[in-house]
Amino acid sequence: MLNEVKNILKDKSGITAIIIKDNKGNRIDINPEVTFPSASLIKLFVLLSVTKDDYKNKVKLKNDEKVGGFGMLQTLDEGLELTVKDLCYLMICLSDNTATNMLIDYLGIEKINKIIIENGFKNTVLGRKMMDMEGKKRGLDNFTSAEDVLKVLEILFQDENNLNILKKQMCNSKLPLYFFRKAEFAHKTGDLVGVEHDAGRLFLNNEYIDIVVLTKDLENNKDGVIINNLVGELVYNRYKTI
């Protein structure tokens, strides 16, 4: 399969990292330790920092917390009260940036980064909140690697609540494009200009396969989307008859 993956990449722009690992330990990877802008994959590490004790705690939406990009909370009225668990669903399933920032404020950037360090993630850092362009201008940003994303997914999937959240992902135009509704896929996407990511666990024939695709420095985001589409199709077709 490695040669088939390399064939997908040969005429595409940018830098790509890929890990494909099944539950039997079979694995292929390309650039697993290379650092990438995390885009919305940083939300996986925010989710990791939330405990079940936090779930029922409530947070009120404030106008000065609303930010653009993905999500619905930016359009809703100030004063709306949500549980931390509600915010987790919005952050992952709709990639809601306002929900993410509310969780970051609730937990604290320092605490999230401490948890990142304690879990041994080598290439991941939360440097700023979502859509914080001023922070970005000051050199603050969010980063991760394919290896770190695989590891955080493996930890998250040990908890049924987190698994259920990731299974309800609404953004399904990348890795699962060709197998959407044919197989269960728990995952999270991310994108910026020049960046297209998707990472998750495909459940198929009582087996599972973890797939991580990170891209950066794309001349056209279409290249990154196609890479994700074709890698997802390749893995699905390879494992569906096993």
C-alpha atoms as a PDB file:
ATOM      1  CA  MET A   1       0.000   0.000   0.000  1.00  0.00           C
ATOM      2  CA  LEU A   2       2.923   2.371   0.615  1.00  0.00           C
ATOM      3  CA  ASN A   3       3.728   2.502  -3.098  1.00  0.00           C
ATOM      4  CA  GLU A   4       0.063   3.244  -3.874  1.00  0.00           C
ATOM      5  CA  VAL A   5       0.083   6.086  -1.347  1.00  0.00           C
ATOM      6  CA  LYS A   6       3.272   7.504  -2.850  1.00  0.00           C
ATOM      7  CA  ASN A   7       1.638   7.315  -6.262  1.00  0.00           C
ATOM      8  CA  ILE A   8      -1.242   9.468  -4.971  1.00  0.00           C
ATOM      9  CA  LEU A   9       1.247  12.083  -3.771  1.00  0.00           C
ATOM     10  CA  LYS A  10       3.611  12.199  -6.735  1.00  0.00           C
ATOM     11  CA  ASP A  11       1.879  14.971  -8.697  1.00  0.00           C
ATOM     12  CA  LYS A  12       0.499  16.948  -5.729  1.00  0.00           C
ATOM     13  CA  SER A  13       1.912  20.155  -4.289  1.00  0.00           C
ATOM     14  CA  GLY A  14       3.028  20.763  -0.735  1.00  0.00           C
ATOM     15  CA  ILE A  15       4.238  18.476   2.041  1.00  0.00           C
ATOM     16  CA  THR A  16       2.187  15.523   3.259  1.00  0.00           C
ATOM     17  CA  ALA A  17       2.379  13.314   6.339  1.00  0.00           C
ATOM     18  CA  ILE A  18       0.448  10.061   6.417  1.00  0.00           C
ATOM     19  CA  ILE A  19       0.006   7.258   8.929  1.00  0.00           C
ATOM     20  CA  ILE A  20      -2.149   4.198   8.265  1.00  0.00           C
ATOM     21  CA  LYS A  21      -2.248   1.691  11.117  1.00  0.00           C
ATOM     22  CA  ASP A  22      -4.631  -1.208  11.663  1.00  0.00           C
ATOM     23  CA  ASN A  23      -5.616  -2.979  14.880  1.00  0.00           C
ATOM     24  CA  LYS A  24      -3.209  -5.835  14.094  1.00  0.00           C
ATOM     25  CA  GLY A  25      -0.248  -3.470  14.214  1.00  0.00           C
ATOM     26  CA  ASN A  26       0.362  -3.198  10.475  1.00  0.00           C
ATOM     27  CA  ARG A  27       1.529   0.318   9.735  1.00  0.00           C
ATOM     28  CA  ILE A  28       2.844   2.540   6.982  1.00  0.00           C
ATOM     29  CA  ASP A  29       3.893   6.150   7.428  1.00  0.00           C
ATOM     30  CA  ILE A  30       5.339   9.121   5.611  1.00  0.00           C
ATOM     31  CA  ASN A  31       6.814  12.112   7.510  1.00  0.00           C
ATOM     32  CA  PRO A  32       5.220  11.114  10.861  1.00  0.00           C
ATOM     33  CA  GLU A  33       7.303  13.542  12.959  1.00  0.00           C
ATOM     34  CA  VAL A  34       7.178  16.581  10.657  1.00  0.00           C
ATOM     35  CA  THR A  35       5.493  19.572  12.288  1.00  0.00           C
ATOM     36  CA  PHE A  36       2.411  21.071  10.617  1.00  0.00           C
ATOM     37  CA  PRO A  37       0.075  23.969  11.414  1.00  0.00           C
ATOM     38  CA  SER A  38      -2.572  22.087  13.355  1.00  0.00           C
ATOM     39  CA  ALA A  39      -5.608  24.019  12.094  1.00  0.00           C
ATOM     40  CA  SER A  40      -8.670  22.511  13.791  1.00  0.00           C
ATOM     41  CA  LEU A  41      -6.876  19.290  14.756  1.00  0.00           C
ATOM     42  CA  ILE A  42      -5.731  21.197  17.851  1.00  0.00           C
ATOM     43  CA  LYS A  43      -9.324  20.723  19.019  1.00  0.00           C
ATOM     44  CA  LEU A  44      -8.526  17.049  19.647  1.00  0.00           C
ATOM     45  CA  PHE A  45      -6.056  18.136  22.313  1.00  0.00           C
ATOM     46  CA  VAL A  46      -8.607  20.495  23.848  1.00  0.00           C
ATOM     47  CA  LEU A  47     -11.065  17.582  23.978  1.00  0.00           C
ATOM     48  CA  LEU A  48      -8.416  15.450  25.678  1.00  0.00           C
ATOM     49  CA  SER A  49      -8.138  18.102  28.406  1.00  0.00           C
ATOM     50  CA  VAL A  50     -11.843  17.904  29.315  1.00  0.00           C
ATOM     51  CA  THR A  51     -12.820  15.424  32.032  1.00  0.00           C
ATOM     52  CA  LYS A  52     -16.181  13.848  32.748  1.00  0.00           C
ATOM     53  CA  ASP A  53     -16.318  15.955  35.922  1.00  0.00           C
ATOM     54  CA  ASP A  54     -16.408  19.012  33.648  1.00  0.00           C
ATOM     55  CA  TYR A  55     -19.299  17.812  31.475  1.00  0.00           C
ATOM     56  CA  LYS A  56     -22.230  19.256  33.447  1.00  0.00           C
ATOM     57  CA  ASN A  57     -20.595  22.570  34.253  1.00  0.00           C
ATOM     58  CA  LYS A  58     -22.237  25.465  32.415  1.00  0.00           C
ATOM     59  CA  VAL A  59     -20.723  28.325  30.469  1.00  0.00           C
ATOM     60  CA  LYS A  60     -22.568  31.391  29.140  1.00  0.00           C
ATOM     61  CA  LEU A  61     -22.048  32.682  25.628  1.00  0.00           C
ATOM     62  CA  LYS A  62     -20.791  36.267  25.506  1.00  0.00           C
ATOM     63  CA  ASN A  63     -20.692  38.539  22.481  1.00  0.00           C
ATOM     64  CA  ASP A  64     -17.004  39.327  22.950  1.00  0.00           C
ATOM     65  CA  GLU A  65     -16.207  35.595  22.735  1.00  0.00           C
ATOM     66  CA  LYS A  66     -17.780  35.132  19.305  1.00  0.00           C
ATOM     67  CA  VAL A  67     -15.383  34.546  16.433  1.00  0.00           C
ATOM     68  CA  GLY A  68     -15.767  33.790  12.745  1.00  0.00           C
ATOM     69  CA  GLY A  69     -14.988  30.704  10.727  1.00  0.00           C
ATOM     70  CA  PHE A  70     -16.802  27.438  11.326  1.00  0.00           C
ATOM     71  CA  GLY A  71     -19.649  27.136  13.798  1.00  0.00           C
ATOM     72  CA  MET A  72     -23.099  28.374  14.736  1.00  0.00           C
ATOM     73  CA  LEU A  73     -22.546  29.946  18.153  1.00  0.00           C
ATOM     74  CA  GLN A  74     -21.323  33.166  16.524  1.00  0.00           C
ATOM     75  CA  THR A  75     -24.892  33.679  15.219  1.00  0.00           C
ATOM     76  CA  LEU A  76     -26.742  32.964  18.485  1.00  0.00           C
ATOM     77  CA  ASP A  77     -27.822  35.375  21.200  1.00  0.00           C
ATOM     78  CA  GLU A  78     -25.581  36.364  24.084  1.00  0.00           C
ATOM     79  CA  GLY A  79     -26.454  34.711  27.371  1.00  0.00           C
ATOM     80  CA  LEU A  80     -27.098  31.251  25.951  1.00  0.00           C
ATOM     81  CA  GLU A  81     -26.044  28.737  28.590  1.00  0.00           C
ATOM     82  CA  LEU A  82     -24.292  25.568  27.437  1.00  0.00           C
ATOM     83  CA  THR A  83     -22.744  22.661  29.273  1.00  0.00           C
ATOM     84  CA  VAL A  84     -19.089  21.808  28.721  1.00  0.00           C
ATOM     85  CA  LYS A  85     -20.269  18.600  27.048  1.00  0.00           C
ATOM     86  CA  ASP A  86     -22.413  20.658  24.650  1.00  0.00           C
ATOM     87  CA  LEU A  87     -19.352  22.716  23.773  1.00  0.00           C
ATOM     88  CA  CYS A  88     -17.319  19.554  23.115  1.00  0.00           C
ATOM     89  CA  TYR A  89     -19.900  18.330  20.610  1.00  0.00           C
ATOM     90  CA  LEU A  90     -20.003  21.713  18.880  1.00  0.00           C
ATOM     91  CA  MET A  91     -16.201  21.966  18.818  1.00  0.00           C
ATOM     92  CA  ILE A  92     -15.711  18.538  17.241  1.00  0.00           C
ATOM     93  CA  CYS A  93     -18.839  17.822  15.189  1.00  0.00           C
ATOM     94  CA  LEU A  94     -19.230  21.313  13.678  1.00  0.00           C
ATOM     95  CA  SER A  95     -15.675  22.521  14.336  1.00  0.00           C
ATOM     96  CA  ASP A  96     -17.246  25.525  16.076  1.00  0.00           C
ATOM     97  CA  ASN A  97     -14.493  28.061  16.759  1.00  0.00           C
ATOM     98  CA  THR A  98     -16.493  30.007  19.344  1.00  0.00           C
ATOM     99  CA  ALA A  99     -17.229  26.801  21.278  1.00  0.00           C
ATOM    100  CA  THR A 100     -13.530  25.952  21.133  1.00  0.00           C
ATOM    101  CA  ASN A 101     -12.511  29.328  22.513  1.00  0.00           C
ATOM    102  CA  MET A 102     -15.070  29.029  25.301  1.00  0.00           C
ATOM    103  CA  LEU A 103     -13.521  25.690  26.243  1.00  0.00           C
ATOM    104  CA  ILE A 104     -10.000  27.116  26.053  1.00  0.00           C
ATOM    105  CA  ASP A 105     -11.059  29.942  28.387  1.00  0.00           C
ATOM    106  CA  TYR A 106     -12.767  27.434  30.703  1.00  0.00           C
ATOM    107  CA  LEU A 107      -9.716  25.143  30.874  1.00  0.00           C
ATOM    108  CA  GLY A 108      -6.887  27.662  30.387  1.00  0.00           C
ATOM    109  CA  ILE A 109      -4.184  27.514  27.718  1.00  0.00           C
ATOM    110  CA  GLU A 110      -1.572  26.674  30.341  1.00  0.00           C
ATOM    111  CA  LYS A 111      -3.515  23.644  31.563  1.00  0.00           C
ATOM    112  CA  ILE A 112      -4.068  22.345  28.030  1.00  0.00           C
ATOM    113  CA  ASN A 113      -0.379  22.691  27.192  1.00  0.00           C
ATOM    114  CA  LYS A 114       0.550  20.996  30.467  1.00  0.00           C
ATOM    115  CA  ILE A 115      -1.641  18.023  29.516  1.00  0.00           C
ATOM    116  CA  ILE A 116      -0.045  17.996  26.054  1.00  0.00           C
ATOM    117  CA  ILE A 117       3.411  17.794  27.663  1.00  0.00           C
ATOM    118  CA  GLU A 118       2.371  15.219  30.266  1.00  0.00           C
ATOM    119  CA  ASN A 119       1.087  12.905  27.536  1.00  0.00           C
ATOM    120  CA  GLY A 120       4.384  13.029  25.684  1.00  0.00           C
ATOM    121  CA  PHE A 121       3.301  14.870  22.539  1.00  0.00           C
ATOM    122  CA  LYS A 122       6.551  16.067  21.019  1.00  0.00           C
ATOM    123  CA  ASN A 123       5.371  18.382  18.261  1.00  0.00           C
ATOM    124  CA  THR A 124       2.110  19.838  19.557  1.00  0.00           C
ATOM    125  CA  VAL A 125       1.487  23.222  21.137  1.00  0.00           C
ATOM    126  CA  LEU A 126      -1.576  25.421  21.660  1.00  0.00           C
ATOM    127  CA  GLY A 127      -0.202  28.924  21.140  1.00  0.00           C
ATOM    128  CA  ARG A 128      -3.398  30.878  20.564  1.00  0.00           C
ATOM    129  CA  LYS A 129      -7.177  30.651  20.440  1.00  0.00           C
ATOM    130  CA  MET A 130      -9.115  30.122  17.228  1.00  0.00           C
ATOM    131  CA  MET A 131      -9.195  33.086  14.826  1.00  0.00           C
ATOM    132  CA  ASP A 132      -6.764  35.086  16.992  1.00  0.00           C
ATOM    133  CA  MET A 133      -5.100  36.958  14.142  1.00  0.00           C
ATOM    134  CA  GLU A 134      -3.351  39.388  16.494  1.00  0.00           C
ATOM    135  CA  GLY A 135      -1.746  36.466  18.302  1.00  0.00           C
ATOM    136  CA  LYS A 136      -0.681  34.991  14.985  1.00  0.00           C
ATOM    137  CA  LYS A 137       0.943  38.285  14.005  1.00  0.00           C
ATOM    138  CA  ARG A 138       2.957  38.074  17.240  1.00  0.00           C
ATOM    139  CA  GLY A 139       4.218  34.641  16.209  1.00  0.00           C
ATOM    140  CA  LEU A 140       1.800  32.576  18.285  1.00  0.00           C
ATOM    141  CA  ASP A 141       0.301  29.567  16.533  1.00  0.00           C
ATOM    142  CA  ASN A 142      -0.867  25.981  16.953  1.00  0.00           C
ATOM    143  CA  PHE A 143       1.178  23.029  15.713  1.00  0.00           C
ATOM    144  CA  THR A 144       1.121  19.240  15.672  1.00  0.00           C
ATOM    145  CA  SER A 145       2.430  16.197  13.780  1.00  0.00           C
ATOM    146  CA  ALA A 146       0.893  13.034  12.348  1.00  0.00           C
ATOM    147  CA  GLU A 147       2.458  10.965  15.140  1.00  0.00           C
ATOM    148  CA  ASP A 148       0.965  13.200  17.823  1.00  0.00           C
ATOM    149  CA  VAL A 149      -2.444  13.145  16.138  1.00  0.00           C
ATOM    150  CA  LEU A 150      -2.400   9.353  15.970  1.00  0.00           C
ATOM    151  CA  LYS A 151      -1.481   9.170  19.637  1.00  0.00           C
ATOM    152  CA  VAL A 152      -4.174  11.629  20.802  1.00  0.00           C
ATOM    153  CA  LEU A 153      -6.783   9.712  18.809  1.00  0.00           C
ATOM    154  CA  GLU A 154      -5.682   6.442  20.383  1.00  0.00           C
ATOM    155  CA  ILE A 155      -6.109   7.992  23.846  1.00  0.00           C
ATOM    156  CA  LEU A 156      -9.454   9.594  23.014  1.00  0.00           C
ATOM    157  CA  PHE A 157     -10.861   6.370  21.558  1.00  0.00           C
ATOM    158  CA  GLN A 158     -10.367   4.641  24.921  1.00  0.00           C
ATOM    159  CA  ASP A 159     -13.244   6.754  26.265  1.00  0.00           C
ATOM    160  CA  GLU A 160     -16.706   5.960  24.911  1.00  0.00           C
ATOM    161  CA  ASN A 161     -17.925   9.543  25.301  1.00  0.00           C
ATOM    162  CA  ASN A 162     -15.097  10.896  23.162  1.00  0.00           C
ATOM    163  CA  LEU A 163     -15.568   8.114  20.623  1.00  0.00           C
ATOM    164  CA  ASN A 164     -19.263   8.977  20.295  1.00  0.00           C
ATOM    165  CA  ILE A 165     -18.449  12.660  19.815  1.00  0.00           C
ATOM    166  CA  LEU A 166     -15.950  11.894  17.043  1.00  0.00           C
ATOM    167  CA  LYS A 167     -18.369   9.494  15.339  1.00  0.00           C
ATOM    168  CA  LYS A 168     -20.857  12.352  14.946  1.00  0.00           C
ATOM    169  CA  GLN A 169     -18.488  14.431  12.810  1.00  0.00           C
ATOM    170  CA  MET A 170     -20.451  16.471  10.242  1.00  0.00           C
ATOM    171  CA  CYS A 171     -17.520  17.386   7.972  1.00  0.00           C
ATOM    172  CA  ASN A 172     -17.180  14.348   5.703  1.00  0.00           C
ATOM    173  CA  SER A 173     -15.763  15.605   2.415  1.00  0.00           C
ATOM    174  CA  LYS A 174     -12.152  14.470   2.906  1.00  0.00           C
ATOM    175  CA  LEU A 175     -11.054  10.976   4.018  1.00  0.00           C
ATOM    176  CA  PRO A 176     -14.574   9.448   4.087  1.00  0.00           C
ATOM    177  CA  LEU A 177     -15.792  10.938   0.797  1.00  0.00           C
ATOM    178  CA  TYR A 178     -15.871   7.589  -1.022  1.00  0.00           C
ATOM    179  CA  PHE A 179     -17.063   5.452   1.899  1.00  0.00           C
ATOM    180  CA  PHE A 180     -19.425   7.864   3.675  1.00  0.00           C
ATOM    181  CA  ARG A 181     -22.476   5.931   4.980  1.00  0.00           C
ATOM    182  CA  LYS A 182     -20.826   2.636   3.961  1.00  0.00           C
ATOM    183  CA  ALA A 183     -18.688   2.372   7.092  1.00  0.00           C
ATOM    184  CA  GLU A 184     -18.384   4.090  10.465  1.00  0.00           C
ATOM    185  CA  PHE A 185     -15.641   6.688  10.769  1.00  0.00           C
ATOM    186  CA  ALA A 186     -14.795   8.669  13.922  1.00  0.00           C
ATOM    187  CA  HIS A 187     -12.645  11.635  12.929  1.00  0.00           C
ATOM    188  CA  LYS A 188     -11.727  15.316  12.923  1.00  0.00           C
ATOM    189  CA  THR A 189     -10.800  17.596  10.045  1.00  0.00           C
ATOM    190  CA  GLY A 190      -8.814  20.806   9.837  1.00  0.00           C
ATOM    191  CA  ASP A 191      -8.029  23.350   7.160  1.00  0.00           C
ATOM    192  CA  LEU A 192      -6.361  26.683   6.513  1.00  0.00           C
ATOM    193  CA  VAL A 193      -5.071  28.308   3.351  1.00  0.00           C
ATOM    194  CA  GLY A 194      -2.567  25.759   2.054  1.00  0.00           C
ATOM    195  CA  VAL A 195      -3.539  23.188   4.697  1.00  0.00           C
ATOM    196  CA  GLU A 196      -5.984  20.248   4.522  1.00  0.00           C
ATOM    197  CA  HIS A 197      -6.070  17.652   7.332  1.00  0.00           C
ATOM    198  CA  ASP A 198      -8.242  14.710   8.321  1.00  0.00           C
ATOM    199  CA  ALA A 199      -7.619  12.004  10.903  1.00  0.00           C
ATOM    200  CA  GLY A 200      -9.690   9.266  12.475  1.00  0.00           C
ATOM    201  CA  ARG A 201     -10.592   5.608  12.926  1.00  0.00           C
ATOM    202  CA  LEU A 202     -12.387   3.557  10.275  1.00  0.00           C
ATOM    203  CA  PHE A 203     -14.471   0.664  11.616  1.00  0.00           C
ATOM    204  CA  LEU A 204     -14.798  -2.122   9.074  1.00  0.00           C
ATOM    205  CA  ASN A 205     -15.576  -5.869   9.301  1.00  0.00           C
ATOM    206  CA  ASN A 206     -15.051  -5.959  13.089  1.00  0.00           C
ATOM    207  CA  GLU A 207     -11.630  -4.419  12.588  1.00  0.00           C
ATOM    208  CA  TYR A 208     -10.408  -0.839  12.725  1.00  0.00           C
ATOM    209  CA  ILE A 209      -7.871   1.218  10.835  1.00  0.00           C
ATOM    210  CA  ASP A 210      -6.470   4.547  12.022  1.00  0.00           C
ATOM    211  CA  ILE A 211      -5.780   7.037   9.224  1.00  0.00           C
ATOM    212  CA  VAL A 212      -3.972  10.362   9.616  1.00  0.00           C
ATOM    213  CA  VAL A 213      -3.389  12.716   6.676  1.00  0.00           C
ATOM    214  CA  LEU A 214      -1.776  16.122   7.200  1.00  0.00           C
ATOM    215  CA  THR A 215      -0.839  18.527   4.383  1.00  0.00           C
ATOM    216  CA  LYS A 216       0.803  21.947   4.255  1.00  0.00           C
ATOM    217  CA  ASP A 217       2.347  24.409   1.770  1.00  0.00           C
ATOM    218  CA  LEU A 218      -0.257  23.439  -0.813  1.00  0.00           C
ATOM    219  CA  GLU A 219      -0.270  25.559  -3.968  1.00  0.00           C
ATOM    220  CA  ASN A 220      -3.994  24.831  -4.143  1.00  0.00           C
ATOM    221  CA  ASN A 221      -6.128  23.436  -1.315  1.00  0.00           C
ATOM    222  CA  LYS A 222      -7.766  21.175  -3.895  1.00  0.00           C
ATOM    223  CA  ASP A 223      -4.571  19.075  -3.893  1.00  0.00           C
ATOM    224  CA  GLY A 224      -4.931  18.430  -0.160  1.00  0.00           C
ATOM    225  CA  VAL A 225      -8.600  17.518  -0.452  1.00  0.00           C
ATOM    226  CA  ILE A 226      -7.848  15.083  -3.287  1.00  0.00           C
ATOM    227  CA  ILE A 227      -5.008  13.486  -1.301  1.00  0.00           C
ATOM    228  CA  ASN A 228      -7.408  12.897   1.580  1.00  0.00           C
ATOM    229  CA  ASN A 229     -10.127  11.577  -0.742  1.00  0.00           C
ATOM    230  CA  LEU A 230      -7.835   9.124  -2.502  1.00  0.00           C
ATOM    231  CA  VAL A 231      -6.095   7.876   0.639  1.00  0.00           C
ATOM    232  CA  GLY A 232      -9.478   7.263   2.266  1.00  0.00           C
ATOM    233  CA  GLU A 233     -10.696   5.400  -0.811  1.00  0.00           C
ATOM    234  CA  LEU A 234      -7.506   3.319  -0.968  1.00  0.00           C
ATOM    235  CA  VAL A 235      -7.737   2.237   2.677  1.00  0.00           C
ATOM    236  CA  TYR A 236     -11.445   1.454   2.454  1.00  0.00           C
ATOM    237  CA  ASN A 237     -11.031  -0.634  -0.711  1.00  0.00           C
ATOM    238  CA  ARG A 238      -8.019  -2.455   0.723  1.00  0.00           C
ATOM    239  CA  TYR A 239      -9.714  -3.441   3.982  1.00  0.00           C
ATOM    240  CA  LYS A 240     -13.374  -3.882   3.028  1.00  0.00           C
ATOM    241  CA  THR A 241     -12.870  -7.465   1.833  1.00  0.00           C
ATOM    242  CA  ILE A 242     -10.388  -8.571   4.488  1.00  0.00           C
END
